[in-house]
Protein backbone atom coordinates (compact mmCIF):
# COMPACT_ATOMS: atom_id res chain seq x y z
CA MET A 1 -19.35 -83.18 -7.03
CA LYS A 2 -17.35 -79.98 -7.41
CA ILE A 3 -14.79 -78.72 -4.93
CA GLY A 4 -16.93 -75.75 -3.97
CA SER A 5 -19.82 -77.86 -2.69
CA ILE A 6 -20.96 -77.12 0.85
CA SER A 7 -20.42 -80.54 2.41
CA PHE A 8 -16.85 -81.02 1.23
CA PHE A 9 -16.06 -77.42 2.06
CA ILE A 10 -17.43 -77.54 5.62
CA LEU A 11 -15.83 -80.88 6.46
CA THR A 12 -12.40 -79.96 5.11
CA LEU A 13 -12.68 -76.42 6.44
CA VAL A 14 -13.06 -77.66 10.00
CA PHE A 15 -9.72 -79.40 9.85
CA GLY A 16 -8.03 -77.08 7.43
CA PHE A 17 -7.47 -79.32 4.43
CA LEU A 18 -8.42 -78.29 0.90
CA PRO A 19 -7.10 -79.71 -2.38
CA VAL A 20 -4.08 -78.03 -3.93
CA THR A 21 -4.47 -79.75 -7.28
CA THR A 22 -6.91 -82.20 -8.80
CA LYS A 23 -6.19 -84.59 -11.66
CA THR A 24 -7.75 -87.68 -13.18
CA VAL A 25 -6.53 -91.00 -11.85
CA ALA A 26 -4.60 -91.66 -15.07
CA GLU A 27 -2.77 -88.32 -14.87
CA TYR A 28 -2.18 -88.42 -11.17
CA LYS A 29 1.33 -88.58 -9.69
CA SER A 30 1.42 -88.39 -5.95
CA TYR A 31 3.58 -87.67 -2.98
CA ASN A 32 3.98 -90.59 -0.56
CA ILE A 33 4.07 -93.12 -3.38
CA VAL A 34 4.53 -96.73 -2.29
CA GLU A 35 5.94 -98.56 -5.33
CA ALA A 36 6.78 -101.75 -3.47
CA GLY A 37 6.35 -103.21 -0.04
CA ASP A 38 3.46 -103.38 2.37
CA ILE A 39 1.04 -100.42 2.28
CA LYS A 40 -0.26 -101.23 5.74
CA ARG A 41 3.28 -101.14 7.10
CA ASP A 42 4.49 -98.11 5.12
CA CYS A 43 1.38 -95.94 5.39
CA GLY A 44 -0.01 -96.83 8.81
CA VAL A 45 0.38 -94.75 11.94
CA LYS A 46 -0.16 -95.56 15.61
CA ASN A 47 -2.98 -93.66 17.27
CA SER A 48 -1.92 -91.52 20.22
CA ALA A 49 -4.22 -88.50 19.81
CA PHE A 50 -7.85 -89.66 20.27
CA GLN A 51 -10.00 -92.36 21.84
CA ALA A 52 -13.44 -93.90 21.54
CA GLY A 53 -16.09 -91.64 23.03
CA GLU A 54 -14.46 -88.42 21.83
CA LYS A 55 -16.91 -85.85 20.53
CA ALA A 56 -16.26 -82.36 19.19
CA VAL A 57 -18.86 -79.85 18.02
CA TYR A 58 -17.98 -76.84 15.85
CA THR A 59 -20.11 -73.81 15.08
CA VAL A 60 -19.89 -72.46 11.53
CA TYR A 61 -20.22 -68.67 11.25
CA TYR A 62 -20.80 -66.78 8.00
CA LYS A 63 -19.84 -63.11 7.79
CA ILE A 64 -21.76 -60.64 5.68
CA GLY A 65 -20.52 -57.06 5.99
CA PHE A 66 -19.58 -56.64 9.64
CA VAL A 67 -22.00 -59.24 11.02
CA TRP A 68 -21.09 -62.85 11.91
CA ILE A 69 -24.12 -65.12 11.52
CA PRO A 70 -24.16 -68.62 13.12
CA ALA A 71 -25.12 -70.72 10.08
CA GLY A 72 -24.69 -74.31 11.22
CA GLU A 73 -22.60 -76.86 13.05
CA VAL A 74 -20.44 -79.93 12.44
CA THR A 75 -20.22 -82.76 14.98
CA PHE A 76 -17.35 -85.28 14.98
CA SER A 77 -17.53 -88.47 17.05
CA VAL A 78 -15.54 -91.69 17.57
CA GLU A 79 -16.85 -95.15 18.45
CA GLU A 80 -15.06 -98.49 18.45
CA ASP A 81 -15.38 -102.25 18.32
CA GLU A 82 -12.67 -104.86 18.86
CA ASN A 83 -10.67 -104.11 15.70
CA TYR A 84 -11.89 -100.80 14.31
CA TYR A 85 -12.60 -97.18 15.11
CA HIS A 86 -15.87 -95.90 13.66
CA LEU A 87 -15.52 -92.21 12.78
CA LYS A 88 -18.50 -90.00 12.03
CA ALA A 89 -19.01 -86.38 11.01
CA TYR A 90 -22.47 -84.82 10.73
CA GLY A 91 -22.89 -81.35 9.28
CA ARG A 92 -26.10 -79.33 9.30
CA THR A 93 -27.30 -75.81 8.84
CA TYR A 94 -29.45 -74.32 11.60
CA ASN A 95 -33.19 -74.12 11.03
CA SER A 96 -32.96 -70.34 10.74
CA TYR A 97 -30.46 -70.74 7.89
CA ASP A 98 -32.25 -73.57 6.09
CA ARG A 99 -34.40 -71.19 4.06
CA LEU A 100 -31.21 -69.88 2.42
CA PHE A 101 -29.52 -73.25 1.89
CA ARG A 102 -30.37 -76.43 3.78
CA VAL A 103 -27.54 -78.92 4.53
CA ARG A 104 -27.78 -82.36 6.17
CA ASP A 105 -24.58 -84.32 5.46
CA THR A 106 -23.18 -87.46 7.08
CA TYR A 107 -19.69 -88.92 6.64
CA GLU A 108 -18.57 -92.20 8.18
CA SER A 109 -15.27 -94.07 8.05
CA LYS A 110 -14.19 -97.41 9.53
CA VAL A 111 -10.45 -97.51 10.20
CA ASP A 112 -8.10 -100.21 11.47
CA LYS A 113 -7.14 -99.57 15.09
CA LYS A 114 -3.52 -100.60 14.58
CA THR A 115 -2.79 -98.47 11.50
CA LEU A 116 -5.66 -95.93 11.23
CA LEU A 117 -5.94 -96.98 7.57
CA PRO A 118 -9.52 -96.85 6.24
CA VAL A 119 -11.43 -100.01 5.41
CA THR A 120 -14.70 -98.43 4.26
CA ALA A 121 -15.89 -94.85 3.94
CA THR A 122 -19.44 -93.70 3.24
CA ARG A 123 -21.20 -90.40 2.88
CA ASP A 124 -24.80 -89.24 2.51
CA ILE A 125 -25.06 -85.70 1.15
CA ASN A 126 -28.22 -83.58 1.15
CA GLN A 127 -27.79 -79.94 0.15
CA GLY A 128 -30.85 -78.04 -1.00
CA SER A 129 -32.17 -80.02 -3.99
CA TYR A 130 -28.85 -81.85 -4.43
CA SER A 131 -28.20 -85.30 -2.98
CA LYS A 132 -25.51 -87.95 -3.38
CA THR A 133 -24.45 -91.19 -1.73
CA SER A 134 -21.07 -92.88 -1.88
CA GLU A 135 -19.18 -95.86 -0.50
CA MET A 136 -15.45 -96.47 -0.83
CA THR A 137 -13.90 -99.88 -0.06
CA PHE A 138 -10.13 -100.18 0.43
CA ASP A 139 -8.55 -103.50 -0.66
CA TYR A 140 -4.93 -103.52 0.51
CA GLU A 141 -4.17 -106.95 -0.99
CA LYS A 142 -5.20 -105.92 -4.50
CA ARG A 143 -4.06 -102.32 -3.89
CA LYS A 144 -7.36 -100.98 -5.20
CA VAL A 145 -10.11 -98.69 -3.94
CA LYS A 146 -13.63 -99.40 -5.14
CA ALA A 147 -15.82 -96.29 -5.30
CA TYR A 148 -19.57 -96.79 -5.65
CA HIS A 149 -21.33 -93.45 -5.96
CA GLY A 150 -24.25 -91.60 -7.50
CA ARG A 151 -27.14 -89.19 -6.99
CA SER A 152 -29.84 -91.85 -6.75
CA ALA A 153 -30.27 -95.62 -6.69
CA ASP A 154 -30.76 -95.75 -10.47
CA ARG A 155 -27.83 -93.44 -11.23
CA MET A 156 -24.98 -95.19 -9.41
CA GLN A 157 -21.60 -95.90 -10.94
CA THR A 158 -18.53 -97.92 -9.91
CA ASP A 159 -14.93 -96.77 -10.30
CA PHE A 160 -11.62 -98.26 -9.23
CA VAL A 161 -8.58 -96.31 -8.06
CA ASP A 162 -5.07 -97.77 -7.93
CA MET A 163 -3.66 -97.65 -4.41
CA ASP A 164 0.03 -97.13 -5.17
CA ARG A 165 0.29 -94.34 -2.60
CA CYS A 166 -0.67 -93.64 1.00
CA LEU A 167 -4.32 -92.89 0.32
CA ARG A 168 -7.13 -92.08 2.74
CA ASP A 169 -10.71 -90.87 2.60
CA VAL A 170 -11.68 -87.33 3.53
CA LEU A 171 -12.74 -88.19 7.09
CA SER A 172 -10.05 -90.69 8.15
CA ILE A 173 -7.33 -88.30 6.99
CA VAL A 174 -8.53 -85.86 9.66
CA TYR A 175 -7.69 -88.31 12.44
CA TYR A 176 -4.52 -89.48 10.73
CA THR A 177 -3.09 -85.95 10.61
CA ARG A 178 -3.77 -85.47 14.31
CA ASN A 179 -1.23 -88.24 14.89
CA LEU A 180 1.58 -86.85 12.75
CA ASP A 181 4.78 -85.81 14.49
CA VAL A 182 5.01 -82.03 14.12
CA SER A 183 7.79 -81.49 16.65
CA SER A 184 10.38 -80.87 13.94
CA LEU A 185 8.24 -78.58 11.75
CA ARG A 186 9.78 -75.22 10.93
CA PRO A 187 7.90 -72.14 9.68
CA ARG A 188 6.98 -72.49 5.98
CA ASP A 189 7.33 -76.30 6.00
CA VAL A 190 4.50 -78.00 4.08
CA VAL A 191 2.76 -81.24 5.04
CA GLU A 192 1.73 -83.08 1.87
CA LEU A 193 -1.04 -85.70 1.89
CA ASN A 194 -3.29 -87.65 -0.49
CA VAL A 195 -7.03 -88.16 -0.26
CA GLY A 196 -9.39 -90.24 -2.39
CA TYR A 197 -12.85 -88.89 -3.21
CA ASP A 198 -14.91 -91.12 -5.50
CA GLU A 199 -12.92 -91.68 -8.71
CA LYS A 200 -10.45 -88.84 -8.08
CA VAL A 201 -7.35 -88.36 -5.97
CA TYR A 202 -6.32 -84.99 -4.52
CA ASP A 203 -3.02 -83.49 -3.42
CA ILE A 204 -3.37 -81.67 -0.12
CA GLY A 205 -0.83 -79.15 1.15
CA MET A 206 -0.79 -77.57 4.59
CA ARG A 207 1.87 -74.97 5.36
CA PHE A 208 3.03 -74.57 8.95
CA LEU A 209 3.27 -70.91 10.00
CA LYS A 210 4.21 -70.75 13.68
CA ARG A 211 3.41 -71.60 17.27
CA GLU A 212 1.26 -69.12 19.18
CA GLU A 213 1.17 -69.04 22.96
CA ASN A 214 -1.76 -67.87 25.06
CA TYR A 215 -3.72 -66.87 21.95
CA ARG A 216 -7.19 -65.49 22.65
CA ILE A 217 -10.17 -67.08 20.85
CA ARG A 218 -13.21 -65.55 22.46
CA ARG A 219 -15.84 -67.73 20.79
CA ALA A 220 -13.96 -70.86 21.93
CA GLY A 221 -14.05 -69.60 25.50
CA GLY A 222 -10.47 -68.83 26.40
CA ASN A 223 -6.78 -68.57 25.59
CA PHE A 224 -4.83 -71.39 23.96
CA ASP A 225 -1.36 -72.55 22.99
CA LEU A 226 -1.73 -73.28 19.28
CA LEU A 227 -0.10 -74.48 16.08
CA LYS A 228 -0.98 -72.20 13.17
CA PHE A 229 -1.28 -73.53 9.60
CA SER A 230 -2.25 -72.12 6.22
CA PRO A 231 -3.70 -74.65 3.76
CA SER A 232 -3.60 -73.85 0.06
CA VAL A 233 -6.92 -73.17 -1.67
CA ILE A 234 -8.07 -73.22 -5.27
CA ALA A 235 -9.11 -69.99 -6.97
CA GLY A 236 -12.57 -70.18 -8.49
CA GLY A 237 -15.76 -71.60 -7.00
CA VAL A 238 -15.98 -70.16 -3.49
CA PHE A 239 -12.43 -68.70 -3.41
CA ASN A 240 -10.66 -65.73 -4.97
CA GLU A 241 -7.08 -65.71 -6.21
CA GLY A 242 -4.72 -65.07 -3.28
CA ASP A 243 -7.19 -66.08 -0.57
CA GLU A 244 -5.52 -67.49 2.53
CA MET A 245 -7.14 -69.90 4.96
CA LEU A 246 -5.86 -69.97 8.54
CA VAL A 247 -6.12 -72.93 10.92
CA TRP A 248 -5.29 -73.05 14.64
CA VAL A 249 -4.73 -76.50 16.21
CA SER A 250 -4.21 -77.22 19.91
CA ASP A 251 -0.51 -77.48 20.76
CA ASP A 252 -0.93 -80.50 23.04
CA LYS A 253 -1.25 -84.25 22.62
CA ASN A 254 -4.86 -84.00 21.41
CA ARG A 255 -4.03 -81.86 18.35
CA ILE A 256 -7.66 -80.87 18.06
CA PRO A 257 -8.54 -77.93 15.75
CA ILE A 258 -9.78 -74.86 17.63
CA GLN A 259 -10.54 -72.28 14.93
CA ILE A 260 -10.47 -71.88 11.15
CA GLU A 261 -10.91 -68.67 9.19
CA SER A 262 -11.30 -68.20 5.46
CA PRO A 263 -12.41 -65.47 3.06
CA LEU A 264 -14.88 -66.46 0.34
CA ARG A 265 -15.94 -64.80 -2.89
CA VAL A 266 -18.83 -63.35 -0.93
CA GLY A 267 -18.23 -62.83 2.80
CA SER A 268 -16.08 -64.97 5.09
CA VAL A 269 -16.39 -68.14 7.15
CA ARG A 270 -15.19 -68.84 10.67
CA VAL A 271 -15.41 -72.30 12.28
CA VAL A 272 -14.92 -72.45 16.06
CA LEU A 273 -14.77 -75.31 18.55
CA ASP A 274 -17.94 -75.01 20.60
CA SER A 275 -17.81 -78.08 22.87
CA TYR A 276 -15.85 -81.27 23.39
CA GLU A 277 -15.88 -84.37 25.58
CA ASN A 278 -13.79 -87.45 26.30
CA LEU A 279 -10.50 -86.19 24.91
CA LYS A 280 -7.73 -88.76 25.23
CA HIS A 281 -5.35 -86.35 27.00
CA PRO A 282 -5.73 -83.40 29.36
CA PHE A 283 -6.59 -80.30 27.35
CA THR A 284 -3.41 -78.46 28.36
CA SER A 285 -3.57 -76.17 25.33
CA LYS A 286 -6.44 -74.26 26.92
CA LYS A 287 -5.38 -71.75 29.57
């Protein structure tokens, strides 16, 4: 799987996180390293931003020339049982766009309710003629992540990643970041995170730009009070050198992303919140 693939791009685009650097596990040196102590204690966070039953649907627009084309959508949902939240993200291209490139991708993550740390994470990727399945299992006693992944049942492989840092999968990190305390962030501050993806670990950097009050987002249906971020992107693949992605997140207790914009090598992409239900808190960001 390369960083420019559609599924990873759409999922991370919706919440504004793209890798800053990528290294092999042996070469990797991370922020948020936990050399001793309890990972569950040191890396966990209490959930205050979402609840079971929450659902958010985003429309993905692709711009060619001066025309914005609705290309697909990504749906995020949360379920629960006694001890765990079950997170799910489903991304698909619209039927009208399928003839250009058909996407049907599903990501799921089971996280501990008390810490929001992932227990298992799976994904089922179908993009054109490309397919891949993966399951990651997090063992906090052995401080290891087992990654079982491959393109077909007879082409699977198993890798192990040392968990000596605060490490999450690509879906659970979305909900984790919604619970971070951003009250003390100043313009140009960078939030640094770590995400595991199969046998690799990625550094993720998200630069805070500013707060914007009563900001108009027509496609999202109103004006909003927002937190504006600019994640770093990698030149090559779908991005050019110097490209800047912009992310607007609701400036309320929900911290739900409202809009993302990014230039690509060919055209641009805009992801906009289309509908939502069962937010944990009143949606005071929307005016």
